[in-house]
Amino acid sequence: MSRSDDLFDPASPLAVGPVVWDIKAGSDQMSWYFMVAGNDRRGEFHAATVRVKGDRERVCRARAAFLLEVLQARPREVHAFDDETDMAGFWEATWPCEQTRNLMANVKKEREAHQ
């Protein structure tokens, strides 16, 4: 059984976001991570942030290993995204709720700030 089965219903889609970074308050260090989302057995949306110490390459390897483990564990619908806006749009369309709407709004706001 995959560790993702503890939070996410194995019969539901699983969405894995791209490797991205942020800078935590009070720090000047980039923190690399990716997100995983799905719903539990009650149909409620959940998102988990997977942070791995190290550089971007190490987090990319961790994301690839996670995807491999999930895909080998059992047949499952998995969506892997290379773009945060595409990911947030999928989450909002698949699991419409306040959390996914807020996430999409935050991603759009962040994108606009960096253009």
N, C-alpha and C. Protein backbone atom coordinates (compact mmCIF):
# COMPACT_ATOMS: atom_id res chain seq x y z
N MET A 1 0.84 -1.18 0.00
CA MET A 1 0.00 0.00 0.00
C MET A 1 0.88 1.24 0.00
N SER A 2 0.58 2.19 -0.86
CA SER A 2 1.33 3.43 -0.94
C SER A 2 1.02 4.31 0.26
N ARG A 3 1.98 5.08 0.70
CA ARG A 3 1.73 6.01 1.80
C ARG A 3 0.67 7.04 1.44
N SER A 4 0.52 7.34 0.14
CA SER A 4 -0.50 8.30 -0.27
C SER A 4 -1.90 7.76 0.02
N ASP A 5 -2.05 6.43 0.15
CA ASP A 5 -3.36 5.84 0.44
C ASP A 5 -3.84 6.21 1.84
N ASP A 6 -2.95 6.62 2.73
CA ASP A 6 -3.34 7.01 4.07
C ASP A 6 -4.22 8.26 4.07
N LEU A 7 -4.01 9.16 3.12
CA LEU A 7 -4.76 10.40 3.05
C LEU A 7 -5.70 10.44 1.85
N PHE A 8 -5.29 9.87 0.74
CA PHE A 8 -6.04 9.97 -0.50
C PHE A 8 -6.72 8.64 -0.83
N ASP A 9 -7.97 8.73 -1.25
CA ASP A 9 -8.73 7.55 -1.65
C ASP A 9 -8.05 6.93 -2.87
N PRO A 10 -7.63 5.66 -2.79
CA PRO A 10 -6.93 5.04 -3.91
C PRO A 10 -7.79 4.91 -5.17
N ALA A 11 -9.11 5.02 -5.03
CA ALA A 11 -9.99 4.93 -6.20
C ALA A 11 -10.20 6.29 -6.86
N SER A 12 -9.67 7.35 -6.28
CA SER A 12 -9.88 8.69 -6.83
C SER A 12 -8.63 9.18 -7.56
N PRO A 13 -8.79 10.22 -8.40
CA PRO A 13 -7.61 10.78 -9.08
C PRO A 13 -6.61 11.35 -8.07
N LEU A 14 -5.37 11.35 -8.46
CA LEU A 14 -4.30 11.96 -7.68
C LEU A 14 -3.61 12.96 -8.59
N ALA A 15 -3.36 14.16 -8.10
CA ALA A 15 -2.72 15.20 -8.91
C ALA A 15 -1.42 15.62 -8.23
N VAL A 16 -0.34 15.60 -9.00
CA VAL A 16 0.99 15.93 -8.48
C VAL A 16 1.46 17.19 -9.19
N GLY A 17 1.79 18.20 -8.40
CA GLY A 17 2.21 19.47 -8.96
C GLY A 17 3.67 19.49 -9.34
N PRO A 18 4.08 20.60 -9.95
CA PRO A 18 5.47 20.76 -10.36
C PRO A 18 6.36 21.07 -9.16
N VAL A 19 7.65 20.95 -9.35
CA VAL A 19 8.60 21.36 -8.33
C VAL A 19 8.69 22.88 -8.38
N VAL A 20 8.43 23.51 -7.24
CA VAL A 20 8.44 24.97 -7.13
C VAL A 20 9.19 25.34 -5.85
N TRP A 21 9.34 26.62 -5.62
CA TRP A 21 10.05 27.06 -4.43
C TRP A 21 9.34 28.24 -3.80
N ASP A 22 9.65 28.47 -2.53
CA ASP A 22 9.25 29.67 -1.84
C ASP A 22 10.36 30.04 -0.87
N ILE A 23 10.23 31.19 -0.26
CA ILE A 23 11.17 31.62 0.76
C ILE A 23 10.36 31.85 2.02
N LYS A 24 10.67 31.09 3.04
CA LYS A 24 9.93 31.21 4.29
C LYS A 24 10.25 32.54 4.97
N ALA A 25 9.27 33.08 5.67
CA ALA A 25 9.43 34.34 6.40
C ALA A 25 10.64 34.24 7.33
N GLY A 26 11.45 35.27 7.32
CA GLY A 26 12.63 35.31 8.18
C GLY A 26 13.82 34.56 7.63
N SER A 27 13.74 34.11 6.41
CA SER A 27 14.82 33.34 5.80
C SER A 27 15.17 33.95 4.46
N ASP A 28 16.37 33.68 4.01
CA ASP A 28 16.75 34.10 2.66
C ASP A 28 17.06 32.87 1.80
N GLN A 29 16.68 31.69 2.29
CA GLN A 29 16.94 30.43 1.60
C GLN A 29 15.71 29.99 0.82
N MET A 30 15.94 29.54 -0.42
CA MET A 30 14.86 28.96 -1.21
C MET A 30 14.53 27.58 -0.63
N SER A 31 13.24 27.30 -0.54
CA SER A 31 12.77 26.01 -0.05
C SER A 31 12.00 25.34 -1.19
N TRP A 32 12.53 24.24 -1.70
CA TRP A 32 11.94 23.54 -2.83
C TRP A 32 10.92 22.52 -2.36
N TYR A 33 9.83 22.37 -3.12
CA TYR A 33 8.79 21.42 -2.75
C TYR A 33 7.91 21.10 -3.96
N PHE A 34 7.03 20.13 -3.79
CA PHE A 34 5.95 19.87 -4.74
C PHE A 34 4.72 19.52 -3.92
N MET A 35 3.57 19.61 -4.57
CA MET A 35 2.31 19.34 -3.87
C MET A 35 1.61 18.15 -4.50
N VAL A 36 0.86 17.47 -3.66
CA VAL A 36 0.06 16.32 -4.08
C VAL A 36 -1.36 16.59 -3.59
N ALA A 37 -2.34 16.31 -4.45
CA ALA A 37 -3.74 16.55 -4.06
C ALA A 37 -4.62 15.40 -4.52
N GLY A 38 -5.68 15.25 -3.79
CA GLY A 38 -6.69 14.26 -4.11
C GLY A 38 -7.82 14.39 -3.12
N ASN A 39 -8.69 13.41 -3.10
CA ASN A 39 -9.75 13.43 -2.10
C ASN A 39 -9.68 12.18 -1.24
N ASP A 40 -10.23 12.31 -0.04
CA ASP A 40 -10.27 11.16 0.86
C ASP A 40 -11.48 10.30 0.52
N ARG A 41 -11.71 9.30 1.29
CA ARG A 41 -12.81 8.36 1.01
C ARG A 41 -14.19 9.01 1.17
N ARG A 42 -14.25 10.15 1.85
CA ARG A 42 -15.52 10.89 1.97
C ARG A 42 -15.70 11.89 0.84
N GLY A 43 -14.70 12.00 -0.04
CA GLY A 43 -14.78 12.93 -1.17
C GLY A 43 -14.25 14.31 -0.87
N GLU A 44 -13.70 14.53 0.31
CA GLU A 44 -13.16 15.84 0.68
C GLU A 44 -11.77 16.04 0.11
N PHE A 45 -11.52 17.24 -0.41
CA PHE A 45 -10.24 17.61 -1.01
C PHE A 45 -9.16 17.72 0.06
N HIS A 46 -7.97 17.23 -0.29
CA HIS A 46 -6.79 17.39 0.56
C HIS A 46 -5.59 17.67 -0.33
N ALA A 47 -4.73 18.53 0.15
CA ALA A 47 -3.46 18.79 -0.53
C ALA A 47 -2.34 18.66 0.49
N ALA A 48 -1.25 18.05 0.07
CA ALA A 48 -0.10 17.87 0.93
C ALA A 48 1.12 18.49 0.25
N THR A 49 1.89 19.21 1.02
CA THR A 49 3.14 19.80 0.54
C THR A 49 4.28 18.85 0.90
N VAL A 50 5.08 18.49 -0.09
CA VAL A 50 6.20 17.59 0.13
C VAL A 50 7.48 18.40 -0.02
N ARG A 51 8.13 18.67 1.09
CA ARG A 51 9.38 19.43 1.10
C ARG A 51 10.54 18.46 1.30
N VAL A 52 11.58 18.68 0.55
CA VAL A 52 12.76 17.84 0.63
C VAL A 52 13.96 18.77 0.78
N LYS A 53 14.77 18.52 1.77
CA LYS A 53 15.97 19.35 1.94
C LYS A 53 16.91 19.13 0.78
N GLY A 54 17.48 20.20 0.32
CA GLY A 54 18.42 20.11 -0.78
C GLY A 54 18.04 21.03 -1.92
N ASP A 55 18.67 20.80 -3.03
CA ASP A 55 18.46 21.67 -4.18
C ASP A 55 17.30 21.17 -5.04
N ARG A 56 17.04 21.90 -6.12
CA ARG A 56 15.92 21.58 -7.01
C ARG A 56 16.04 20.16 -7.58
N GLU A 57 17.24 19.79 -7.96
CA GLU A 57 17.46 18.47 -8.56
C GLU A 57 17.06 17.35 -7.60
N ARG A 58 17.40 17.51 -6.34
CA ARG A 58 17.05 16.49 -5.34
C ARG A 58 15.53 16.38 -5.18
N VAL A 59 14.84 17.52 -5.19
CA VAL A 59 13.38 17.50 -5.06
C VAL A 59 12.75 16.90 -6.32
N CYS A 60 13.32 17.17 -7.49
CA CYS A 60 12.83 16.56 -8.73
C CYS A 60 12.96 15.04 -8.67
N ARG A 61 14.07 14.55 -8.12
CA ARG A 61 14.24 13.10 -7.98
C ARG A 61 13.23 12.52 -6.99
N ALA A 62 12.96 13.26 -5.92
CA ALA A 62 11.97 12.79 -4.93
C ALA A 62 10.58 12.75 -5.55
N ARG A 63 10.24 13.75 -6.36
CA ARG A 63 8.93 13.77 -7.03
C ARG A 63 8.82 12.59 -8.00
N ALA A 64 9.87 12.34 -8.76
CA ALA A 64 9.86 11.22 -9.70
C ALA A 64 9.72 9.90 -8.95
N ALA A 65 10.40 9.74 -7.83
CA ALA A 65 10.29 8.52 -7.04
C ALA A 65 8.88 8.35 -6.47
N PHE A 66 8.28 9.46 -6.04
CA PHE A 66 6.91 9.41 -5.54
C PHE A 66 5.96 8.95 -6.64
N LEU A 67 6.08 9.56 -7.82
CA LEU A 67 5.22 9.18 -8.94
C LEU A 67 5.40 7.70 -9.29
N LEU A 68 6.63 7.24 -9.32
CA LEU A 68 6.90 5.84 -9.63
C LEU A 68 6.25 4.92 -8.60
N GLU A 69 6.39 5.24 -7.34
CA GLU A 69 5.79 4.42 -6.28
C GLU A 69 4.28 4.37 -6.43
N VAL A 70 3.66 5.51 -6.66
CA VAL A 70 2.19 5.56 -6.79
C VAL A 70 1.74 4.76 -8.00
N LEU A 71 2.43 4.92 -9.11
CA LEU A 71 2.02 4.22 -10.34
C LEU A 71 2.26 2.71 -10.25
N GLN A 72 3.26 2.28 -9.51
CA GLN A 72 3.54 0.85 -9.38
C GLN A 72 2.64 0.19 -8.33
N ALA A 73 2.11 0.97 -7.41
CA ALA A 73 1.34 0.40 -6.30
C ALA A 73 0.02 -0.21 -6.76
N ARG A 74 -0.66 0.43 -7.70
CA ARG A 74 -1.95 -0.07 -8.20
C ARG A 74 -2.39 0.80 -9.36
N PRO A 75 -3.29 0.28 -10.17
CA PRO A 75 -3.83 1.13 -11.23
C PRO A 75 -4.53 2.34 -10.62
N ARG A 76 -4.24 3.50 -11.14
CA ARG A 76 -4.80 4.72 -10.56
C ARG A 76 -4.69 5.84 -11.58
N GLU A 77 -5.67 6.72 -11.57
CA GLU A 77 -5.61 7.91 -12.42
C GLU A 77 -4.69 8.92 -11.75
N VAL A 78 -3.59 9.25 -12.43
CA VAL A 78 -2.61 10.19 -11.88
C VAL A 78 -2.38 11.29 -12.91
N HIS A 79 -2.41 12.52 -12.42
CA HIS A 79 -2.13 13.69 -13.27
C HIS A 79 -0.89 14.37 -12.71
N ALA A 80 0.14 14.49 -13.53
CA ALA A 80 1.39 15.15 -13.13
C ALA A 80 1.49 16.45 -13.92
N PHE A 81 1.71 17.53 -13.22
CA PHE A 81 1.73 18.86 -13.84
C PHE A 81 3.13 19.47 -13.79
N ASP A 82 3.48 20.17 -14.88
CA ASP A 82 4.73 20.91 -14.95
C ASP A 82 4.51 22.41 -14.81
N ASP A 83 3.25 22.80 -14.64
CA ASP A 83 2.91 24.23 -14.53
C ASP A 83 1.93 24.40 -13.37
N GLU A 84 2.24 25.32 -12.48
CA GLU A 84 1.44 25.53 -11.28
C GLU A 84 0.02 26.03 -11.61
N THR A 85 -0.12 26.88 -12.64
CA THR A 85 -1.43 27.37 -13.01
C THR A 85 -2.30 26.25 -13.55
N ASP A 86 -1.73 25.38 -14.38
CA ASP A 86 -2.48 24.23 -14.89
C ASP A 86 -2.91 23.32 -13.74
N MET A 87 -2.00 23.11 -12.78
CA MET A 87 -2.31 22.28 -11.63
C MET A 87 -3.46 22.87 -10.84
N ALA A 88 -3.37 24.15 -10.52
CA ALA A 88 -4.41 24.80 -9.71
C ALA A 88 -5.75 24.79 -10.45
N GLY A 89 -5.73 24.98 -11.75
CA GLY A 89 -6.96 24.93 -12.53
C GLY A 89 -7.60 23.55 -12.50
N PHE A 90 -6.77 22.52 -12.60
CA PHE A 90 -7.27 21.14 -12.52
C PHE A 90 -7.88 20.88 -11.15
N TRP A 91 -7.18 21.30 -10.10
CA TRP A 91 -7.69 21.10 -8.75
C TRP A 91 -9.03 21.79 -8.58
N GLU A 92 -9.12 23.03 -9.06
CA GLU A 92 -10.36 23.80 -8.91
C GLU A 92 -11.51 23.16 -9.68
N ALA A 93 -11.23 22.63 -10.88
CA ALA A 93 -12.28 22.00 -11.69
C ALA A 93 -12.67 20.62 -11.13
N THR A 94 -11.72 19.88 -10.61
CA THR A 94 -11.97 18.52 -10.14
C THR A 94 -12.54 18.50 -8.73
N TRP A 95 -12.06 19.36 -7.88
CA TRP A 95 -12.50 19.43 -6.48
C TRP A 95 -12.92 20.85 -6.14
N PRO A 96 -14.06 21.32 -6.67
CA PRO A 96 -14.47 22.70 -6.42
C PRO A 96 -14.82 22.91 -4.93
N CYS A 97 -14.05 23.76 -4.30
CA CYS A 97 -14.28 24.09 -2.90
C CYS A 97 -13.51 25.38 -2.61
N GLU A 98 -13.71 25.93 -1.44
CA GLU A 98 -13.06 27.18 -1.08
C GLU A 98 -11.53 27.06 -1.14
N GLN A 99 -11.01 25.94 -0.68
CA GLN A 99 -9.56 25.75 -0.67
C GLN A 99 -8.97 25.79 -2.07
N THR A 100 -9.60 25.12 -3.04
CA THR A 100 -9.06 25.11 -4.41
C THR A 100 -9.26 26.46 -5.09
N ARG A 101 -10.37 27.14 -4.79
CA ARG A 101 -10.57 28.50 -5.35
C ARG A 101 -9.52 29.46 -4.82
N ASN A 102 -9.22 29.36 -3.52
CA ASN A 102 -8.19 30.23 -2.93
C ASN A 102 -6.82 29.92 -3.51
N LEU A 103 -6.53 28.65 -3.70
CA LEU A 103 -5.24 28.27 -4.26
C LEU A 103 -5.09 28.84 -5.67
N MET A 104 -6.13 28.72 -6.49
CA MET A 104 -6.08 29.25 -7.85
C MET A 104 -5.89 30.76 -7.82
N ALA A 105 -6.60 31.45 -6.95
CA ALA A 105 -6.47 32.91 -6.84
C ALA A 105 -5.04 33.29 -6.43
N ASN A 106 -4.46 32.55 -5.50
CA ASN A 106 -3.09 32.83 -5.05
C ASN A 106 -2.07 32.59 -6.15
N VAL A 107 -2.24 31.52 -6.92
CA VAL A 107 -1.32 31.23 -8.02
C VAL A 107 -1.41 32.33 -9.07
N LYS A 108 -2.62 32.75 -9.41
CA LYS A 108 -2.80 33.83 -10.40
C LYS A 108 -2.16 35.13 -9.91
N LYS A 109 -2.38 35.44 -8.63
CA LYS A 109 -1.81 36.66 -8.05
C LYS A 109 -0.28 36.63 -8.08
N GLU A 110 0.28 35.48 -7.74
CA GLU A 110 1.73 35.32 -7.76
C GLU A 110 2.28 35.47 -9.17
N ARG A 111 1.61 34.88 -10.14
CA ARG A 111 2.03 34.98 -11.54
C ARG A 111 2.01 36.44 -12.02
N GLU A 112 0.92 37.15 -11.69
CA GLU A 112 0.81 38.55 -12.10
C GLU A 112 1.92 39.40 -11.48
N ALA A 113 2.27 39.11 -10.23
CA ALA A 113 3.31 39.87 -9.53
C ALA A 113 4.69 39.67 -10.16
N HIS A 114 4.90 38.52 -10.81
CA HIS A 114 6.21 38.22 -11.39
C HIS A 114 6.28 38.46 -12.90
N GLN A 115 5.26 39.09 -13.46
CA GLN A 115 5.30 39.37 -14.90
C GLN A 115 5.79 40.77 -15.16
